[in-house]
């Protein structure tokens, strides 16, 4: 599952295009269809995803997002 959190209008418009998640499905390299979710909001306000459900956090421009999302990372086994 890929969860993208952004409060920019450009990102909101981009993810409203049904071709965006379909592009992810077409580009998958395994047999599992990816789940792509977009949350149009300020990442510091939390997100409607399950705790310990993320494998990876990436922040290109938002800064140190793990301060807000550490509880969403899966525990190492």
PDB file of N, CA and C in Angstrom:
ATOM      1  N   UNK A   1       0.833  -1.171   0.000  1.00  0.00           N
ATOM      2  CA  UNK A   1       0.000   0.000   0.000  1.00  0.00           C
ATOM      3  C   UNK A   1       0.885   1.244   0.000  1.00  0.00           C
ATOM      4  N   UNK A   2       0.513   2.190  -0.814  1.00  0.00           N
ATOM      5  CA  UNK A   2       1.188   3.475  -0.862  1.00  0.00           C
ATOM      6  C   UNK A   2       0.205   4.529  -0.385  1.00  0.00           C
ATOM      7  N   UNK A   3       0.585   5.276   0.634  1.00  0.00           N
ATOM      8  CA  UNK A   3      -0.236   6.382   1.124  1.00  0.00           C
ATOM      9  C   UNK A   3       0.531   7.666   0.898  1.00  0.00           C
ATOM     10  N   UNK A   4      -0.088   8.583   0.205  1.00  0.00           N
ATOM     11  CA  UNK A   4       0.531   9.860  -0.107  1.00  0.00           C
ATOM     12  C   UNK A   4      -0.268  10.930   0.617  1.00  0.00           C
ATOM     13  N   UNK A   5       0.407  11.757   1.406  1.00  0.00           N
ATOM     14  CA  UNK A   5      -0.247  12.807   2.185  1.00  0.00           C
ATOM     15  C   UNK A   5       0.326  14.148   1.749  1.00  0.00           C
ATOM     16  N   UNK A   6      -0.536  15.030   1.290  1.00  0.00           N
ATOM     17  CA  UNK A   6      -0.079  16.337   0.819  1.00  0.00           C
ATOM     18  C   UNK A   6      -1.248  17.301   0.876  1.00  0.00           C
ATOM     19  N   UNK A   7      -0.970  18.548   1.183  1.00  0.00           N
ATOM     20  CA  UNK A   7      -2.047  19.536   1.208  1.00  0.00           C
ATOM     21  C   UNK A   7      -1.923  20.558   0.081  1.00  0.00           C
ATOM     22  N   UNK A   8      -1.214  20.189  -0.973  1.00  0.00           N
ATOM     23  CA  UNK A   8      -1.124  21.099  -2.117  1.00  0.00           C
ATOM     24  C   UNK A   8      -2.269  20.817  -3.086  1.00  0.00           C
ATOM     25  N   UNK A   9      -2.795  21.885  -3.672  1.00  0.00           N
ATOM     26  CA  UNK A   9      -3.879  21.742  -4.646  1.00  0.00           C
ATOM     27  C   UNK A   9      -3.423  20.964  -5.875  1.00  0.00           C
ATOM     28  N   UNK A  10      -2.163  21.131  -6.257  1.00  0.00           N
ATOM     29  CA  UNK A  10      -1.646  20.416  -7.425  1.00  0.00           C
ATOM     30  C   UNK A  10      -1.655  18.909  -7.186  1.00  0.00           C
ATOM     31  N   UNK A  11      -1.246  18.468  -6.006  1.00  0.00           N
ATOM     32  CA  UNK A  11      -1.257  17.039  -5.690  1.00  0.00           C
ATOM     33  C   UNK A  11      -2.685  16.519  -5.647  1.00  0.00           C
ATOM     34  N   UNK A  12      -3.593  17.293  -5.085  1.00  0.00           N
ATOM     35  CA  UNK A  12      -4.998  16.892  -5.023  1.00  0.00           C
ATOM     36  C   UNK A  12      -5.554  16.676  -6.427  1.00  0.00           C
ATOM     37  N   UNK A  13      -5.300  17.617  -7.313  1.00  0.00           N
ATOM     38  CA  UNK A  13      -5.773  17.480  -8.696  1.00  0.00           C
ATOM     39  C   UNK A  13      -5.118  16.283  -9.392  1.00  0.00           C
ATOM     40  N   UNK A  14      -3.831  16.083  -9.168  1.00  0.00           N
ATOM     41  CA  UNK A  14      -3.108  14.973  -9.772  1.00  0.00           C
ATOM     42  C   UNK A  14      -3.733  13.634  -9.383  1.00  0.00           C
ATOM     43  N   UNK A  15      -4.008  13.436  -8.093  1.00  0.00           N
ATOM     44  CA  UNK A  15      -4.530  12.155  -7.631  1.00  0.00           C
ATOM     45  C   UNK A  15      -6.015  11.965  -7.906  1.00  0.00           C
ATOM     46  N   UNK A  16      -6.707  13.016  -8.312  1.00  0.00           N
ATOM     47  CA  UNK A  16      -8.114  12.870  -8.714  1.00  0.00           C
ATOM     48  C   UNK A  16      -8.232  12.192 -10.083  1.00  0.00           C
ATOM     49  N   UNK A  17      -7.162  12.205 -10.834  1.00  0.00           N
ATOM     50  CA  UNK A  17      -7.144  11.581 -12.158  1.00  0.00           C
ATOM     51  C   UNK A  17      -7.126  10.065 -11.982  1.00  0.00           C
ATOM     52  N   UNK A  18      -8.157   9.341 -12.463  1.00  0.00           N
ATOM     53  CA  UNK A  18      -8.195   7.884 -12.290  1.00  0.00           C
ATOM     54  C   UNK A  18      -7.038   7.159 -12.979  1.00  0.00           C
ATOM     55  N   UNK A  19      -6.349   7.814 -13.876  1.00  0.00           N
ATOM     56  CA  UNK A  19      -5.211   7.181 -14.549  1.00  0.00           C
ATOM     57  C   UNK A  19      -4.014   7.038 -13.615  1.00  0.00           C
ATOM     58  N   UNK A  20      -3.943   7.836 -12.555  1.00  0.00           N
ATOM     59  CA  UNK A  20      -2.782   7.786 -11.663  1.00  0.00           C
ATOM     60  C   UNK A  20      -2.683   6.443 -10.939  1.00  0.00           C
ATOM     61  N   UNK A  21      -3.712   6.010 -10.188  1.00  0.00           N
ATOM     62  CA  UNK A  21      -3.579   4.693  -9.552  1.00  0.00           C
ATOM     63  C   UNK A  21      -3.478   3.561 -10.572  1.00  0.00           C
ATOM     64  N   UNK A  22      -4.125   3.709 -11.709  1.00  0.00           N
ATOM     65  CA  UNK A  22      -4.047   2.674 -12.746  1.00  0.00           C
ATOM     66  C   UNK A  22      -2.612   2.545 -13.261  1.00  0.00           C
ATOM     67  N   UNK A  23      -1.913   3.640 -13.357  1.00  0.00           N
ATOM     68  CA  UNK A  23      -0.505   3.611 -13.765  1.00  0.00           C
ATOM     69  C   UNK A  23       0.306   2.763 -12.788  1.00  0.00           C
ATOM     70  N   UNK A  24       0.049   2.922 -11.494  1.00  0.00           N
ATOM     71  CA  UNK A  24       0.732   2.117 -10.482  1.00  0.00           C
ATOM     72  C   UNK A  24       0.434   0.640 -10.625  1.00  0.00           C
ATOM     73  N   UNK A  25      -0.806   0.312 -10.917  1.00  0.00           N
ATOM     74  CA  UNK A  25      -1.200  -1.088 -11.097  1.00  0.00           C
ATOM     75  C   UNK A  25      -0.480  -1.678 -12.308  1.00  0.00           C
ATOM     76  N   UNK A  26      -0.417  -0.934 -13.382  1.00  0.00           N
ATOM     77  CA  UNK A  26       0.231  -1.419 -14.603  1.00  0.00           C
ATOM     78  C   UNK A  26       1.742  -1.594 -14.432  1.00  0.00           C
ATOM     79  N   UNK A  27       2.348  -0.827 -13.536  1.00  0.00           N
ATOM     80  CA  UNK A  27       3.799  -0.848 -13.368  1.00  0.00           C
ATOM     81  C   UNK A  27       4.262  -1.783 -12.250  1.00  0.00           C
ATOM     82  N   UNK A  28       3.354  -2.475 -11.591  1.00  0.00           N
ATOM     83  CA  UNK A  28       3.760  -3.347 -10.486  1.00  0.00           C
ATOM     84  C   UNK A  28       4.641  -4.480 -10.996  1.00  0.00           C
ATOM     85  N   UNK A  29       5.611  -4.882 -10.170  1.00  0.00           N
ATOM     86  CA  UNK A  29       6.534  -5.937 -10.584  1.00  0.00           C
ATOM     87  C   UNK A  29       6.238  -7.264  -9.891  1.00  0.00           C
ATOM     88  N   UNK A  30       5.219  -7.281  -9.061  1.00  0.00           N
ATOM     89  CA  UNK A  30       4.843  -8.543  -8.423  1.00  0.00           C
ATOM     90  C   UNK A  30       3.394  -8.859  -8.767  1.00  0.00           C
ATOM     91  N   UNK A  31       2.877  -9.918  -8.246  1.00  0.00           N
ATOM     92  CA  UNK A  31       1.522 -10.344  -8.604  1.00  0.00           C
ATOM     93  C   UNK A  31       0.437  -9.667  -7.783  1.00  0.00           C
ATOM     94  N   UNK A  32       0.825  -8.895  -6.802  1.00  0.00           N
ATOM     95  CA  UNK A  32      -0.139  -8.215  -5.944  1.00  0.00           C
ATOM     96  C   UNK A  32      -0.417  -6.820  -6.498  1.00  0.00           C
ATOM     97  N   UNK A  33      -1.673  -6.489  -6.685  1.00  0.00           N
ATOM     98  CA  UNK A  33      -2.022  -5.152  -7.149  1.00  0.00           C
ATOM     99  C   UNK A  33      -1.761  -4.137  -6.046  1.00  0.00           C
ATOM    100  N   UNK A  34      -1.067  -3.070  -6.362  1.00  0.00           N
ATOM    101  CA  UNK A  34      -0.793  -2.069  -5.338  1.00  0.00           C
ATOM    102  C   UNK A  34      -2.053  -1.292  -4.967  1.00  0.00           C
ATOM    103  N   UNK A  35      -2.091  -0.842  -3.735  1.00  0.00           N
ATOM    104  CA  UNK A  35      -3.157   0.040  -3.254  1.00  0.00           C
ATOM    105  C   UNK A  35      -2.523   1.411  -3.107  1.00  0.00           C
ATOM    106  N   UNK A  36      -3.098   2.396  -3.779  1.00  0.00           N
ATOM    107  CA  UNK A  36      -2.575   3.751  -3.726  1.00  0.00           C
ATOM    108  C   UNK A  36      -3.656   4.649  -3.136  1.00  0.00           C
ATOM    109  N   UNK A  37      -3.322   5.291  -2.024  1.00  0.00           N
ATOM    110  CA  UNK A  37      -4.277   6.183  -1.361  1.00  0.00           C
ATOM    111  C   UNK A  37      -3.662   7.573  -1.256  1.00  0.00           C
ATOM    112  N   UNK A  38      -4.476   8.557  -1.521  1.00  0.00           N
ATOM    113  CA  UNK A  38      -4.055   9.947  -1.385  1.00  0.00           C
ATOM    114  C   UNK A  38      -4.895  10.615  -0.311  1.00  0.00           C
ATOM    115  N   UNK A  39      -4.222  11.331   0.589  1.00  0.00           N
ATOM    116  CA  UNK A  39      -4.898  12.080   1.643  1.00  0.00           C
ATOM    117  C   UNK A  39      -4.570  13.557   1.437  1.00  0.00           C
ATOM    118  N   UNK A  40      -5.578  14.315   1.074  1.00  0.00           N
ATOM    119  CA  UNK A  40      -5.403  15.760   0.872  1.00  0.00           C
ATOM    120  C   UNK A  40      -5.534  16.447   2.222  1.00  0.00           C
ATOM    121  N   UNK A  41      -4.393  16.611   2.894  1.00  0.00           N
ATOM    122  CA  UNK A  41      -4.392  17.230   4.216  1.00  0.00           C
ATOM    123  C   UNK A  41      -2.965  17.549   4.631  1.00  0.00           C
ATOM    124  N   UNK A  42      -2.853  18.268   5.707  1.00  0.00           N
ATOM    125  CA  UNK A  42      -1.560  18.570   6.317  1.00  0.00           C
ATOM    126  C   UNK A  42      -1.072  17.310   7.013  1.00  0.00           C
ATOM    127  N   UNK A  43       0.108  16.821   6.653  1.00  0.00           N
ATOM    128  CA  UNK A  43       0.597  15.561   7.214  1.00  0.00           C
ATOM    129  C   UNK A  43       0.752  15.621   8.732  1.00  0.00           C
ATOM    130  N   UNK A  44       0.952  16.805   9.299  1.00  0.00           N
ATOM    131  CA  UNK A  44       1.143  16.912  10.751  1.00  0.00           C
ATOM    132  C   UNK A  44      -0.156  16.724  11.528  1.00  0.00           C
ATOM    133  N   UNK A  45      -1.275  16.642  10.821  1.00  0.00           N
ATOM    134  CA  UNK A  45      -2.576  16.454  11.476  1.00  0.00           C
ATOM    135  C   UNK A  45      -2.958  14.984  11.594  1.00  0.00           C
ATOM    136  N   UNK A  46      -2.069  14.078  11.202  1.00  0.00           N
ATOM    137  CA  UNK A  46      -2.381  12.653  11.246  1.00  0.00           C
ATOM    138  C   UNK A  46      -2.984  12.199   9.924  1.00  0.00           C
ATOM    139  N   UNK A  47      -3.280  10.922   9.867  1.00  0.00           N
ATOM    140  CA  UNK A  47      -3.813  10.351   8.629  1.00  0.00           C
ATOM    141  C   UNK A  47      -4.693   9.164   8.996  1.00  0.00           C
ATOM    142  N   UNK A  48      -5.692   8.889   8.198  1.00  0.00           N
ATOM    143  CA  UNK A  48      -6.634   7.805   8.483  1.00  0.00           C
ATOM    144  C   UNK A  48      -6.147   6.446   8.028  1.00  0.00           C
ATOM    145  N   UNK A  49      -4.982   6.054   8.478  1.00  0.00           N
ATOM    146  CA  UNK A  49      -4.431   4.738   8.167  1.00  0.00           C
ATOM    147  C   UNK A  49      -4.161   3.999   9.474  1.00  0.00           C
ATOM    148  N   UNK A  50      -3.999   2.705   9.387  1.00  0.00           N
ATOM    149  CA  UNK A  50      -3.755   1.882  10.571  1.00  0.00           C
ATOM    150  C   UNK A  50      -2.333   2.081  11.086  1.00  0.00           C
ATOM    151  N   UNK A  51      -2.191   2.055  12.403  1.00  0.00           N
ATOM    152  CA  UNK A  51      -0.862   2.104  12.994  1.00  0.00           C
ATOM    153  C   UNK A  51      -0.081   0.862  12.569  1.00  0.00           C
ATOM    154  N   UNK A  52       1.220   0.998  12.485  1.00  0.00           N
ATOM    155  CA  UNK A  52       2.118  -0.080  12.085  1.00  0.00           C
ATOM    156  C   UNK A  52       1.746  -0.692  10.730  1.00  0.00           C
ATOM    157  N   UNK A  53       1.323   0.159   9.787  1.00  0.00           N
ATOM    158  CA  UNK A  53       0.933  -0.344   8.470  1.00  0.00           C
ATOM    159  C   UNK A  53       1.879   0.113   7.359  1.00  0.00           C
ATOM    160  N   UNK A  54       2.866   0.948   7.667  1.00  0.00           N
ATOM    161  CA  UNK A  54       3.776   1.463   6.649  1.00  0.00           C
ATOM    162  C   UNK A  54       5.107   0.719   6.710  1.00  0.00           C
ATOM    163  N   UNK A  55       5.662   0.423   5.558  1.00  0.00           N
ATOM    164  CA  UNK A  55       6.997  -0.162   5.477  1.00  0.00           C
ATOM    165  C   UNK A  55       8.068   0.916   5.351  1.00  0.00           C
ATOM    166  N   UNK A  56       7.683   2.061   4.820  1.00  0.00           N
ATOM    167  CA  UNK A  56       8.661   3.082   4.476  1.00  0.00           C
ATOM    168  C   UNK A  56       8.015   4.456   4.542  1.00  0.00           C
ATOM    169  N   UNK A  57       8.764   5.447   4.997  1.00  0.00           N
ATOM    170  CA  UNK A  57       8.346   6.849   4.957  1.00  0.00           C
ATOM    171  C   UNK A  57       9.301   7.595   4.039  1.00  0.00           C
ATOM    172  N   UNK A  58       8.747   8.397   3.153  1.00  0.00           N
ATOM    173  CA  UNK A  58       9.568   9.214   2.266  1.00  0.00           C
ATOM    174  C   UNK A  58       9.022  10.635   2.318  1.00  0.00           C
ATOM    175  N   UNK A  59       9.908  11.580   2.460  1.00  0.00           N
ATOM    176  CA  UNK A  59       9.529  12.990   2.432  1.00  0.00           C
ATOM    177  C   UNK A  59      10.462  13.703   1.471  1.00  0.00           C
ATOM    178  N   UNK A  60       9.911  14.186   0.376  1.00  0.00           N
ATOM    179  CA  UNK A  60      10.764  14.883  -0.585  1.00  0.00           C
ATOM    180  C   UNK A  60      10.977  16.342  -0.198  1.00  0.00           C
ATOM    181  N   UNK A  61       9.932  17.001   0.266  1.00  0.00           N
ATOM    182  CA  UNK A  61      10.023  18.433   0.537  1.00  0.00           C
ATOM    183  C   UNK A  61       9.442  18.852   1.883  1.00  0.00           C
ATOM    184  N   UNK A  62       8.797  17.951   2.596  1.00  0.00           N
ATOM    185  CA  UNK A  62       8.051  18.325   3.801  1.00  0.00           C
ATOM    186  C   UNK A  62       8.905  18.369   5.059  1.00  0.00           C
ATOM    187  N   UNK A  63      10.102  17.860   5.019  1.00  0.00           N
ATOM    188  CA  UNK A  63      10.926  17.842   6.215  1.00  0.00           C
ATOM    189  C   UNK A  63      10.882  16.494   6.905  1.00  0.00           C
ATOM    190  N   UNK A  64      11.074  16.498   8.201  1.00  0.00           N
ATOM    191  CA  UNK A  64      11.219  15.280   8.993  1.00  0.00           C
ATOM    192  C   UNK A  64       9.840  14.737   9.392  1.00  0.00           C
ATOM    193  N   UNK A  65       9.159  14.040   8.487  1.00  0.00           N
ATOM    194  CA  UNK A  65       7.790  13.574   8.734  1.00  0.00           C
ATOM    195  C   UNK A  65       7.719  12.439   9.741  1.00  0.00           C
ATOM    196  N   UNK A  66       8.831  11.752   9.974  1.00  0.00           N
ATOM    197  CA  UNK A  66       8.774  10.620  10.909  1.00  0.00           C
ATOM    198  C   UNK A  66       8.421  11.071  12.320  1.00  0.00           C
ATOM    199  N   UNK A  67       8.622  12.325  12.634  1.00  0.00           N
ATOM    200  CA  UNK A  67       8.200  12.866  13.930  1.00  0.00           C
ATOM    201  C   UNK A  67       6.708  12.621  14.144  1.00  0.00           C
ATOM    202  N   UNK A  68       5.938  12.682  13.081  1.00  0.00           N
ATOM    203  CA  UNK A  68       4.492  12.520  13.152  1.00  0.00           C
ATOM    204  C   UNK A  68       4.023  11.111  12.799  1.00  0.00           C
ATOM    205  N   UNK A  69       4.874  10.319  12.125  1.00  0.00           N
ATOM    206  CA  UNK A  69       4.419   9.043  11.575  1.00  0.00           C
ATOM    207  C   UNK A  69       5.164   7.813  12.085  1.00  0.00           C
ATOM    208  N   UNK A  70       6.014   7.929  13.062  1.00  0.00           N
ATOM    209  CA  UNK A  70       6.759   6.780  13.574  1.00  0.00           C
ATOM    210  C   UNK A  70       5.826   5.643  13.973  1.00  0.00           C
ATOM    211  N   UNK A  71       4.697   5.941  14.581  1.00  0.00           N
ATOM    212  CA  UNK A  71       3.753   4.902  15.014  1.00  0.00           C
ATOM    213  C   UNK A  71       3.107   4.159  13.849  1.00  0.00           C
ATOM    214  N   UNK A  72       3.209   4.694  12.646  1.00  0.00           N
ATOM    215  CA  UNK A  72       2.637   4.035  11.477  1.00  0.00           C
ATOM    216  C   UNK A  72       3.601   3.020  10.859  1.00  0.00           C
ATOM    217  N   UNK A  73       4.883   3.091  11.238  1.00  0.00           N
ATOM    218  CA  UNK A  73       5.851   2.143  10.699  1.00  0.00           C
ATOM    219  C   UNK A  73       5.683   0.766  11.310  1.00  0.00           C
ATOM    220  N   UNK A  74       5.795  -0.253  10.476  1.00  0.00           N
ATOM    221  CA  UNK A  74       5.729  -1.633  10.968  1.00  0.00           C
ATOM    222  C   UNK A  74       6.937  -1.900  11.848  1.00  0.00           C
ATOM    223  N   UNK A  75       6.725  -2.709  12.856  1.00  0.00           N
ATOM    224  CA  UNK A  75       7.823  -3.094  13.719  1.00  0.00           C
ATOM    225  C   UNK A  75       8.694  -4.112  13.013  1.00  0.00           C
ATOM    226  N   UNK A  76       9.987  -3.992  13.168  1.00  0.00           N
ATOM    227  CA  UNK A  76      10.910  -4.962  12.564  1.00  0.00           C
ATOM    228  C   UNK A  76      10.732  -6.312  13.228  1.00  0.00           C
ATOM    229  N   UNK A  77      10.757  -7.362  12.422  1.00  0.00           N
ATOM    230  CA  UNK A  77      10.604  -8.707  12.989  1.00  0.00           C
ATOM    231  C   UNK A  77      11.884  -9.501  12.880  1.00  0.00           C
TER     232      UNK A  77
END
